[in-house]
PDB file of N, CA and C in Angstrom:
ATOM      1  N   MET A   1      85.434  -9.235   4.053  1.00  0.00           N
ATOM      2  CA  MET A   1      86.612  -9.128   3.240  1.00  0.00           C
ATOM      3  C   MET A   1      86.276  -9.180   1.763  1.00  0.00           C
ATOM      4  N   SER A   2      85.049  -8.786   1.427  1.00  0.00           N
ATOM      5  CA  SER A   2      84.640  -8.810   0.031  1.00  0.00           C
ATOM      6  C   SER A   2      85.416  -7.796  -0.798  1.00  0.00           C
ATOM      7  N   PHE A   3      85.994  -6.785  -0.152  1.00  0.00           N
ATOM      8  CA  PHE A   3      86.742  -5.788  -0.905  1.00  0.00           C
ATOM      9  C   PHE A   3      87.983  -6.376  -1.551  1.00  0.00           C
ATOM     10  N   LEU A   4      88.477  -7.517  -1.052  1.00  0.00           N
ATOM     11  CA  LEU A   4      89.644  -8.158  -1.650  1.00  0.00           C
ATOM     12  C   LEU A   4      89.307  -8.767  -3.010  1.00  0.00           C
ATOM     13  N   PHE A   5      88.034  -9.059  -3.215  1.00  0.00           N
ATOM     14  CA  PHE A   5      87.626  -9.722  -4.448  1.00  0.00           C
ATOM     15  C   PHE A   5      86.823  -8.794  -5.356  1.00  0.00           C
ATOM     16  N   GLY A   6      87.018  -7.502  -5.227  1.00  0.00           N
ATOM     17  CA  GLY A   6      86.405  -6.539  -6.119  1.00  0.00           C
ATOM     18  C   GLY A   6      85.095  -5.967  -5.620  1.00  0.00           C
ATOM     19  N   GLY A   7      84.561  -6.451  -4.515  1.00  0.00           N
ATOM     20  CA  GLY A   7      83.324  -5.912  -3.969  1.00  0.00           C
ATOM     21  C   GLY A   7      83.606  -4.679  -3.134  1.00  0.00           C
ATOM     22  N   ARG A   8      82.540  -3.966  -2.803  1.00  0.00           N
ATOM     23  CA  ARG A   8      82.704  -2.786  -1.959  1.00  0.00           C
ATOM     24  C   ARG A   8      82.759  -3.221  -0.503  1.00  0.00           C
ATOM     25  N   PRO A   9      83.604  -2.596   0.309  1.00  0.00           N
ATOM     26  CA  PRO A   9      83.640  -2.939   1.731  1.00  0.00           C
ATOM     27  C   PRO A   9      82.319  -2.543   2.399  1.00  0.00           C
ATOM     28  N   GLN A  10      81.904  -3.341   3.366  1.00  0.00           N
ATOM     29  CA  GLN A  10      80.667  -3.069   4.083  1.00  0.00           C
ATOM     30  C   GLN A  10      80.887  -1.922   5.061  1.00  0.00           C
ATOM     31  N   LEU A  11      79.935  -0.985   5.088  1.00  0.00           N
ATOM     32  CA  LEU A  11      80.033   0.156   5.980  1.00  0.00           C
ATOM     33  C   LEU A  11      79.365  -0.178   7.308  1.00  0.00           C
ATOM     34  N   SER A  12      79.907   0.367   8.371  1.00  0.00           N
ATOM     35  CA  SER A  12      79.278   0.192   9.672  1.00  0.00           C
ATOM     36  C   SER A  12      78.063   1.099   9.764  1.00  0.00           C
ATOM     37  N   SER A  13      77.251   0.888  10.786  1.00  0.00           N
ATOM     38  CA  SER A  13      76.056   1.722  10.967  1.00  0.00           C
ATOM     39  C   SER A  13      76.430   3.185  11.141  1.00  0.00           C
ATOM     40  N   ALA A  14      77.489   3.457  11.886  1.00  0.00           N
ATOM     41  CA  ALA A  14      77.930   4.836  12.103  1.00  0.00           C
ATOM     42  C   ALA A  14      78.366   5.480  10.789  1.00  0.00           C
ATOM     43  N   GLU A  15      79.043   4.708   9.942  1.00  0.00           N
ATOM     44  CA  GLU A  15      79.479   5.241   8.647  1.00  0.00           C
ATOM     45  C   GLU A  15      78.282   5.504   7.733  1.00  0.00           C
ATOM     46  N   LYS A  16      77.286   4.608   7.791  1.00  0.00           N
ATOM     47  CA  LYS A  16      76.076   4.812   6.987  1.00  0.00           C
ATOM     48  C   LYS A  16      75.328   6.056   7.443  1.00  0.00           C
ATOM     49  N   ILE A  17      75.247   6.260   8.742  1.00  0.00           N
ATOM     50  CA  ILE A  17      74.575   7.443   9.286  1.00  0.00           C
ATOM     51  C   ILE A  17      75.332   8.705   8.895  1.00  0.00           C
ATOM     52  N   ALA A  18      76.649   8.664   9.001  1.00  0.00           N
ATOM     53  CA  ALA A  18      77.466   9.823   8.627  1.00  0.00           C
ATOM     54  C   ALA A  18      77.307  10.135   7.135  1.00  0.00           C
ATOM     55  N   ALA A  19      77.266   9.098   6.291  1.00  0.00           N
ATOM     56  CA  ALA A  19      77.085   9.316   4.858  1.00  0.00           C
ATOM     57  C   ALA A  19      75.705   9.911   4.577  1.00  0.00           C
ATOM     58  N   ALA A  20      74.683   9.419   5.269  1.00  0.00           N
ATOM     59  CA  ALA A  20      73.334   9.957   5.080  1.00  0.00           C
ATOM     60  C   ALA A  20      73.257  11.407   5.543  1.00  0.00           C
ATOM     61  N   GLU A  21      73.890  11.720   6.664  1.00  0.00           N
ATOM     62  CA  GLU A  21      73.896  13.099   7.159  1.00  0.00           C
ATOM     63  C   GLU A  21      74.613  14.026   6.180  1.00  0.00           C
ATOM     64  N   THR A  22      75.714  13.556   5.625  1.00  0.00           N
ATOM     65  CA  THR A  22      76.453  14.348   4.636  1.00  0.00           C
ATOM     66  C   THR A  22      75.601  14.592   3.404  1.00  0.00           C
ATOM     67  N   GLU A  23      74.890  13.552   2.964  1.00  0.00           N
ATOM     68  CA  GLU A  23      74.040  13.716   1.784  1.00  0.00           C
ATOM     69  C   GLU A  23      72.903  14.698   2.054  1.00  0.00           C
ATOM     70  N   VAL A  24      72.300  14.641   3.250  1.00  0.00           N
ATOM     71  CA  VAL A  24      71.240  15.585   3.603  1.00  0.00           C
ATOM     72  C   VAL A  24      71.787  17.010   3.617  1.00  0.00           C
ATOM     73  N   GLU A  25      72.979  17.199   4.164  1.00  0.00           N
ATOM     74  CA  GLU A  25      73.602  18.527   4.178  1.00  0.00           C
ATOM     75  C   GLU A  25      73.863  19.027   2.754  1.00  0.00           C
ATOM     76  N   MET A  26      74.325  18.134   1.877  1.00  0.00           N
ATOM     77  CA  MET A  26      74.607  18.526   0.498  1.00  0.00           C
ATOM     78  C   MET A  26      73.312  18.903  -0.235  1.00  0.00           C
ATOM     79  N   VAL A  27      72.261  18.126  -0.043  1.00  0.00           N
ATOM     80  CA  VAL A  27      70.984  18.420  -0.697  1.00  0.00           C
ATOM     81  C   VAL A  27      70.405  19.719  -0.151  1.00  0.00           C
ATOM     82  N   SER A  28      70.496  19.927   1.165  1.00  0.00           N
ATOM     83  CA  SER A  28      70.006  21.168   1.768  1.00  0.00           C
ATOM     84  C   SER A  28      70.766  22.373   1.239  1.00  0.00           C
ATOM     85  N   ASP A  29      72.082  22.236   1.134  1.00  0.00           N
ATOM     86  CA  ASP A  29      72.900  23.324   0.600  1.00  0.00           C
ATOM     87  C   ASP A  29      72.531  23.620  -0.850  1.00  0.00           C
ATOM     88  N   MET A  30      72.350  22.556  -1.648  1.00  0.00           N
ATOM     89  CA  MET A  30      71.980  22.749  -3.041  1.00  0.00           C
ATOM     90  C   MET A  30      70.622  23.445  -3.140  1.00  0.00           C
ATOM     91  N   PHE A  31      69.666  23.027  -2.336  1.00  0.00           N
ATOM     92  CA  PHE A  31      68.339  23.647  -2.355  1.00  0.00           C
ATOM     93  C   PHE A  31      68.422  25.120  -1.966  1.00  0.00           C
ATOM     94  N   ASN A  32      69.199  25.439  -0.934  1.00  0.00           N
ATOM     95  CA  ASN A  32      69.344  26.833  -0.508  1.00  0.00           C
ATOM     96  C   ASN A  32      69.990  27.689  -1.594  1.00  0.00           C
ATOM     97  N   ARG A  33      71.032  27.158  -2.245  1.00  0.00           N
ATOM     98  CA  ARG A  33      71.674  27.902  -3.330  1.00  0.00           C
ATOM     99  C   ARG A  33      70.728  28.088  -4.501  1.00  0.00           C
ATOM    100  N   LEU A  34      69.984  27.043  -4.827  1.00  0.00           N
ATOM    101  CA  LEU A  34      68.999  27.120  -5.901  1.00  0.00           C
ATOM    102  C   LEU A  34      67.936  28.164  -5.590  1.00  0.00           C
ATOM    103  N   SER A  35      67.401  28.129  -4.389  1.00  0.00           N
ATOM    104  CA  SER A  35      66.357  29.081  -3.990  1.00  0.00           C
ATOM    105  C   SER A  35      66.866  30.514  -4.041  1.00  0.00           C
ATOM    106  N   GLN A  36      68.030  30.749  -3.470  1.00  0.00           N
ATOM    107  CA  GLN A  36      68.581  32.102  -3.444  1.00  0.00           C
ATOM    108  C   GLN A  36      68.891  32.601  -4.848  1.00  0.00           C
ATOM    109  N   SER A  37      69.520  31.775  -5.647  1.00  0.00           N
ATOM    110  CA  SER A  37      69.925  32.183  -6.988  1.00  0.00           C
ATOM    111  C   SER A  37      68.718  32.476  -7.876  1.00  0.00           C
ATOM    112  N   CYS A  38      67.763  31.562  -7.905  1.00  0.00           N
ATOM    113  CA  CYS A  38      66.614  31.743  -8.798  1.00  0.00           C
ATOM    114  C   CYS A  38      65.677  32.834  -8.298  1.00  0.00           C
ATOM    115  N   THR A  39      65.539  32.978  -6.987  1.00  0.00           N
ATOM    116  CA  THR A  39      64.707  34.052  -6.456  1.00  0.00           C
ATOM    117  C   THR A  39      65.313  35.403  -6.804  1.00  0.00           C
ATOM    118  N   LYS A  40      66.618  35.524  -6.628  1.00  0.00           N
ATOM    119  CA  LYS A  40      67.302  36.786  -6.940  1.00  0.00           C
ATOM    120  C   LYS A  40      67.180  37.122  -8.425  1.00  0.00           C
ATOM    121  N   LYS A  41      67.268  36.095  -9.266  1.00  0.00           N
ATOM    122  CA  LYS A  41      67.239  36.314 -10.707  1.00  0.00           C
ATOM    123  C   LYS A  41      65.829  36.589 -11.231  1.00  0.00           C
ATOM    124  N   CYS A  42      64.809  35.938 -10.671  1.00  0.00           N
ATOM    125  CA  CYS A  42      63.483  35.923 -11.294  1.00  0.00           C
ATOM    126  C   CYS A  42      62.404  36.741 -10.578  1.00  0.00           C
ATOM    127  N   ILE A  43      62.594  37.026  -9.311  1.00  0.00           N
ATOM    128  CA  ILE A  43      61.539  37.707  -8.564  1.00  0.00           C
ATOM    129  C   ILE A  43      62.051  39.065  -8.109  1.00  0.00           C
ATOM    130  N   PRO A  44      61.376  40.139  -8.522  1.00  0.00           N
ATOM    131  CA  PRO A  44      61.827  41.479  -8.115  1.00  0.00           C
ATOM    132  C   PRO A  44      61.664  41.674  -6.604  1.00  0.00           C
ATOM    133  N   PRO A  45      62.520  42.511  -6.006  1.00  0.00           N
ATOM    134  CA  PRO A  45      62.466  42.691  -4.548  1.00  0.00           C
ATOM    135  C   PRO A  45      61.174  43.352  -4.061  1.00  0.00           C
ATOM    136  N   GLU A  46      60.510  44.116  -4.920  1.00  0.00           N
ATOM    137  CA  GLU A  46      59.244  44.729  -4.517  1.00  0.00           C
ATOM    138  C   GLU A  46      58.104  43.923  -5.139  1.00  0.00           C
ATOM    139  N   TYR A  47      57.220  43.433  -4.285  1.00  0.00           N
ATOM    140  CA  TYR A  47      56.110  42.604  -4.760  1.00  0.00           C
ATOM    141  C   TYR A  47      54.954  43.492  -5.186  1.00  0.00           C
ATOM    142  N   ARG A  48      54.412  43.230  -6.370  1.00  0.00           N
ATOM    143  CA  ARG A  48      53.267  43.995  -6.872  1.00  0.00           C
ATOM    144  C   ARG A  48      51.963  43.235  -6.702  1.00  0.00           C
ATOM    145  N   GLU A  49      52.049  41.912  -6.631  1.00  0.00           N
ATOM    146  CA  GLU A  49      50.863  41.078  -6.471  1.00  0.00           C
ATOM    147  C   GLU A  49      51.233  39.853  -5.644  1.00  0.00           C
ATOM    148  N   PRO A  50      50.247  39.213  -5.014  1.00  0.00           N
ATOM    149  CA  PRO A  50      50.562  38.120  -4.093  1.00  0.00           C
ATOM    150  C   PRO A  50      51.036  36.829  -4.776  1.00  0.00           C
ATOM    151  N   ASP A  51      50.658  36.608  -6.021  1.00  0.00           N
ATOM    152  CA  ASP A  51      51.047  35.392  -6.733  1.00  0.00           C
ATOM    153  C   ASP A  51      52.107  35.699  -7.775  1.00  0.00           C
ATOM    154  N   LEU A  52      52.808  34.658  -8.204  1.00  0.00           N
ATOM    155  CA  LEU A  52      53.781  34.829  -9.279  1.00  0.00           C
ATOM    156  C   LEU A  52      53.050  35.147 -10.571  1.00  0.00           C
ATOM    157  N   ASN A  53      53.597  36.077 -11.345  1.00  0.00           N
ATOM    158  CA  ASN A  53      53.016  36.299 -12.666  1.00  0.00           C
ATOM    159  C   ASN A  53      53.626  35.286 -13.634  1.00  0.00           C
ATOM    160  N   LYS A  54      53.135  35.257 -14.846  1.00  0.00           N
ATOM    161  CA  LYS A  54      53.580  34.254 -15.814  1.00  0.00           C
ATOM    162  C   LYS A  54      55.077  34.355 -16.097  1.00  0.00           C
ATOM    163  N   GLY A  55      55.590  35.567 -16.256  1.00  0.00           N
ATOM    164  CA  GLY A  55      57.006  35.748 -16.535  1.00  0.00           C
ATOM    165  C   GLY A  55      57.896  35.234 -15.407  1.00  0.00           C
ATOM    166  N   GLU A  56      57.512  35.530 -14.167  1.00  0.00           N
ATOM    167  CA  GLU A  56      58.280  35.047 -13.015  1.00  0.00           C
ATOM    168  C   GLU A  56      58.226  33.523 -12.929  1.00  0.00           C
ATOM    169  N   SER A  57      57.066  32.971 -13.179  1.00  0.00           N
ATOM    170  CA  SER A  57      56.897  31.526 -13.116  1.00  0.00           C
ATOM    171  C   SER A  57      57.750  30.812 -14.162  1.00  0.00           C
ATOM    172  N   VAL A  58      57.727  31.325 -15.384  1.00  0.00           N
ATOM    173  CA  VAL A  58      58.534  30.734 -16.463  1.00  0.00           C
ATOM    174  C   VAL A  58      60.017  30.880 -16.144  1.00  0.00           C
ATOM    175  N   CYS A  59      60.415  32.038 -15.649  1.00  0.00           N
ATOM    176  CA  CYS A  59      61.817  32.276 -15.286  1.00  0.00           C
ATOM    177  C   CYS A  59      62.277  31.286 -14.219  1.00  0.00           C
ATOM    178  N   LEU A  60      61.456  31.107 -13.181  1.00  0.00           N
ATOM    179  CA  LEU A  60      61.813  30.164 -12.116  1.00  0.00           C
ATOM    180  C   LEU A  60      61.920  28.737 -12.649  1.00  0.00           C
ATOM    181  N   ASP A  61      60.982  28.355 -13.508  1.00  0.00           N
ATOM    182  CA  ASP A  61      61.000  27.011 -14.078  1.00  0.00           C
ATOM    183  C   ASP A  61      62.284  26.772 -14.873  1.00  0.00           C
ATOM    184  N   ARG A  62      62.658  27.735 -15.697  1.00  0.00           N
ATOM    185  CA  ARG A  62      63.883  27.607 -16.499  1.00  0.00           C
ATOM    186  C   ARG A  62      65.130  27.632 -15.624  1.00  0.00           C
ATOM    187  N   CYS A  63      65.117  28.494 -14.623  1.00  0.00           N
ATOM    188  CA  CYS A  63      66.270  28.608 -13.729  1.00  0.00           C
ATOM    189  C   CYS A  63      66.513  27.293 -12.990  1.00  0.00           C
ATOM    190  N   VAL A  64      65.456  26.711 -12.449  1.00  0.00           N
ATOM    191  CA  VAL A  64      65.575  25.443 -11.723  1.00  0.00           C
ATOM    192  C   VAL A  64      66.047  24.339 -12.661  1.00  0.00           C
ATOM    193  N   SER A  65      65.492  24.306 -13.852  1.00  0.00           N
ATOM    194  CA  SER A  65      65.879  23.295 -14.833  1.00  0.00           C
ATOM    195  C   SER A  65      67.364  23.405 -15.179  1.00  0.00           C
ATOM    196  N   LYS A  66      67.834  24.623 -15.434  1.00  0.00           N
ATOM    197  CA  LYS A  66      69.251  24.829 -15.760  1.00  0.00           C
ATOM    198  C   LYS A  66      70.145  24.482 -14.580  1.00  0.00           C
ATOM    199  N   PHE A  67      69.701  24.832 -13.366  1.00  0.00           N
ATOM    200  CA  PHE A  67      70.488  24.548 -12.173  1.00  0.00           C
ATOM    201  C   PHE A  67      70.721  23.043 -12.039  1.00  0.00           C
ATOM    202  N   PHE A  68      69.640  22.245 -12.205  1.00  0.00           N
ATOM    203  CA  PHE A  68      69.784  20.794 -12.084  1.00  0.00           C
ATOM    204  C   PHE A  68      70.589  20.207 -13.236  1.00  0.00           C
ATOM    205  N   GLU A  69      70.413  20.742 -14.435  1.00  0.00           N
ATOM    206  CA  GLU A  69      71.169  20.250 -15.575  1.00  0.00           C
ATOM    207  C   GLU A  69      72.668  20.456 -15.359  1.00  0.00           C
ATOM    208  N   VAL A  70      73.039  21.643 -14.904  1.00  0.00           N
ATOM    209  CA  VAL A  70      74.449  21.932 -14.639  1.00  0.00           C
ATOM    210  C   VAL A  70      74.963  21.058 -13.500  1.00  0.00           C
ATOM    211  N   ASN A  71      74.163  20.887 -12.451  1.00  0.00           N
ATOM    212  CA  ASN A  71      74.565  20.057 -11.327  1.00  0.00           C
ATOM    213  C   ASN A  71      74.868  18.628 -11.783  1.00  0.00           C
ATOM    214  N   LEU A  72      74.009  18.064 -12.628  1.00  0.00           N
ATOM    215  CA  LEU A  72      74.232  16.704 -13.117  1.00  0.00           C
ATOM    216  C   LEU A  72      75.470  16.617 -14.007  1.00  0.00           C
ATOM    217  N   LYS A  73      75.685  17.623 -14.859  1.00  0.00           N
ATOM    218  CA  LYS A  73      76.867  17.611 -15.722  1.00  0.00           C
ATOM    219  C   LYS A  73      78.155  17.692 -14.905  1.00  0.00           C
ATOM    220  N   VAL A  74      78.165  18.569 -13.919  1.00  0.00           N
ATOM    221  CA  VAL A  74      79.352  18.696 -13.066  1.00  0.00           C
ATOM    222  C   VAL A  74      79.590  17.402 -12.293  1.00  0.00           C
ATOM    223  N   SER A  75      78.520  16.834 -11.763  1.00  0.00           N
ATOM    224  CA  SER A  75      78.632  15.585 -11.016  1.00  0.00           C
ATOM    225  C   SER A  75      79.172  14.462 -11.898  1.00  0.00           C
ATOM    226  N   ASP A  76      78.634  14.327 -13.112  1.00  0.00           N
ATOM    227  CA  ASP A  76      79.117  13.296 -14.030  1.00  0.00           C
ATOM    228  C   ASP A  76      80.586  13.494 -14.362  1.00  0.00           C
ATOM    229  N   LYS A  77      80.976  14.738 -14.604  1.00  0.00           N
ATOM    230  CA  LYS A  77      82.373  15.024 -14.943  1.00  0.00           C
ATOM    231  C   LYS A  77      83.298  14.681 -13.769  1.00  0.00           C
ATOM    232  N   MET A  78      82.873  15.055 -12.568  1.00  0.00           N
ATOM    233  CA  MET A  78      83.700  14.757 -11.395  1.00  0.00           C
ATOM    234  C   MET A  78      83.808  13.254 -11.165  1.00  0.00           C
ATOM    235  N   GLN A  79      82.713  12.525 -11.356  1.00  0.00           N
ATOM    236  CA  GLN A  79      82.757  11.073 -11.191  1.00  0.00           C
ATOM    237  C   GLN A  79      83.652  10.433 -12.248  1.00  0.00           C
ATOM    238  N   GLY A  80      83.586  10.945 -13.474  1.00  0.00           N
ATOM    239  CA  GLY A  80      84.442  10.432 -14.539  1.00  0.00           C
ATOM    240  C   GLY A  80      85.909  10.659 -14.248  1.00  0.00           C
ATOM    241  N   GLU A  81      86.240  11.845 -13.753  1.00  0.00           N
ATOM    242  CA  GLU A  81      87.632  12.136 -13.411  1.00  0.00           C
ATOM    243  C   GLU A  81      88.096  11.287 -12.232  1.00  0.00           C
ATOM    244  N   ALA A  82      87.227  11.069 -11.262  1.00  0.00           N
ATOM    245  CA  ALA A  82      87.590  10.231 -10.117  1.00  0.00           C
ATOM    246  C   ALA A  82      87.818   8.797 -10.564  1.00  0.00           C
ATOM    247  N   ALA A  83      86.996   8.320 -11.492  1.00  0.00           N
ATOM    248  CA  ALA A  83      87.155   6.953 -11.994  1.00  0.00           C
ATOM    249  C   ALA A  83      88.467   6.807 -12.761  1.00  0.00           C
ATOM    250  N   GLN A  84      88.847   7.848 -13.543  1.00  0.00           N
ATOM    251  CA  GLN A  84      90.094   7.802 -14.289  1.00  0.00           C
ATOM    252  C   GLN A  84      91.301   7.780 -13.361  1.00  0.00           C
ATOM    253  N   LYS A  85      91.184   8.451 -12.235  1.00  0.00           N
ATOM    254  CA  LYS A  85      92.283   8.497 -11.269  1.00  0.00           C
ATOM    255  C   LYS A  85      92.307   7.256 -10.389  1.00  0.00           C
ATOM    256  N   GLY A  86      91.329   6.374 -10.572  1.00  0.00           N
ATOM    257  CA  GLY A  86      91.294   5.158  -9.778  1.00  0.00           C
ATOM    258  C   GLY A  86      90.528   5.304  -8.492  1.00  0.00           C
ATOM    259  N   GLY A  87      89.820   6.414  -8.339  1.00  0.00           N
ATOM    260  CA  GLY A  87      89.046   6.633  -7.126  1.00  0.00           C
ATOM    261  C   GLY A  87      87.741   5.875  -7.103  1.00  0.00           C
ATOM    262  N   GLY A  88      87.317   5.313  -8.220  1.00  0.00           N
ATOM    263  CA  GLY A  88      86.104   4.524  -8.251  1.00  0.00           C
ATOM    264  C   GLY A  88      84.857   5.339  -8.523  1.00  0.00           C
ATOM    265  N   GLY A  89      84.854   6.627  -8.207  1.00  0.00           N
ATOM    266  CA  GLY A  89      83.702   7.461  -8.496  1.00  0.00           C
ATOM    267  C   GLY A  89      82.470   7.091  -7.699  1.00  0.00           C
ATOM    268  N   GLY A  90      82.625   6.627  -6.478  1.00  0.00           N
ATOM    269  CA  GLY A  90      81.493   6.203  -5.676  1.00  0.00           C
ATOM    270  C   GLY A  90      80.842   7.318  -4.912  1.00  0.00           C
ATOM    271  N   GLY A  91      80.898   8.540  -5.423  1.00  0.00           N
ATOM    272  CA  GLY A  91      80.323   9.675  -4.730  1.00  0.00           C
ATOM    273  C   GLY A  91      78.815   9.700  -4.814  1.00  0.00           C
ATOM    274  N   MET A  92      78.252  10.806  -4.319  1.00  0.00           N
ATOM    275  CA  MET A  92      76.810  10.941  -4.282  1.00  0.00           C
ATOM    276  C   MET A  92      76.333  11.940  -5.315  1.00  0.00           C
ATOM    277  N   GLY A  93      76.960  12.001  -6.456  1.00  0.00           N
ATOM    278  CA  GLY A  93      76.563  12.957  -7.470  1.00  0.00           C
ATOM    279  C   GLY A  93      75.136  12.733  -7.937  1.00  0.00           C
ATOM    280  N   GLY A  94      74.448  13.813  -8.211  1.00  0.00           N
ATOM    281  CA  GLY A  94      73.073  13.708  -8.643  1.00  0.00           C
ATOM    282  C   GLY A  94      72.106  13.559  -7.487  1.00  0.00           C
ATOM    283  N   PHE A  95      72.608  13.376  -6.299  1.00  0.00           N
ATOM    284  CA  PHE A  95      71.809  13.301  -5.087  1.00  0.00           C
ATOM    285  C   PHE A  95      70.712  12.253  -5.182  1.00  0.00           C
ATOM    286  N   GLY A  96      71.049  11.094  -5.685  1.00  0.00           N
ATOM    287  CA  GLY A  96      70.119   9.993  -5.718  1.00  0.00           C
ATOM    288  C   GLY A  96      69.078  10.095  -6.827  1.00  0.00           C
ATOM    289  N   MET A  97      69.270  11.018  -7.761  1.00  0.00           N
ATOM    290  CA  MET A  97      68.282  11.153  -8.839  1.00  0.00           C
ATOM    291  C   MET A  97      68.699  10.320 -10.019  1.00  0.00           C
TER     292      MET A  97
END
């Protein structure tokens, strides 16, 4: 009953497992979107050489960096709005980073 005194309610094992599964799904989805988006943007569909060239490598590095930066900004904004509405903002934004 710690939630009556401002603490967070204790989650059951099933709830913890469900939360972990949801977080894994969210991280997997984010990784898939990141991979698809940056590959489409930075790597041409016809391969000329087996390794990434410098331009492709730099493009991928910048794309990934921007993707994570935007993800963190959106997550922070959503948590801030949830906190203002009284939701507490206890989400998994930033995916544990």
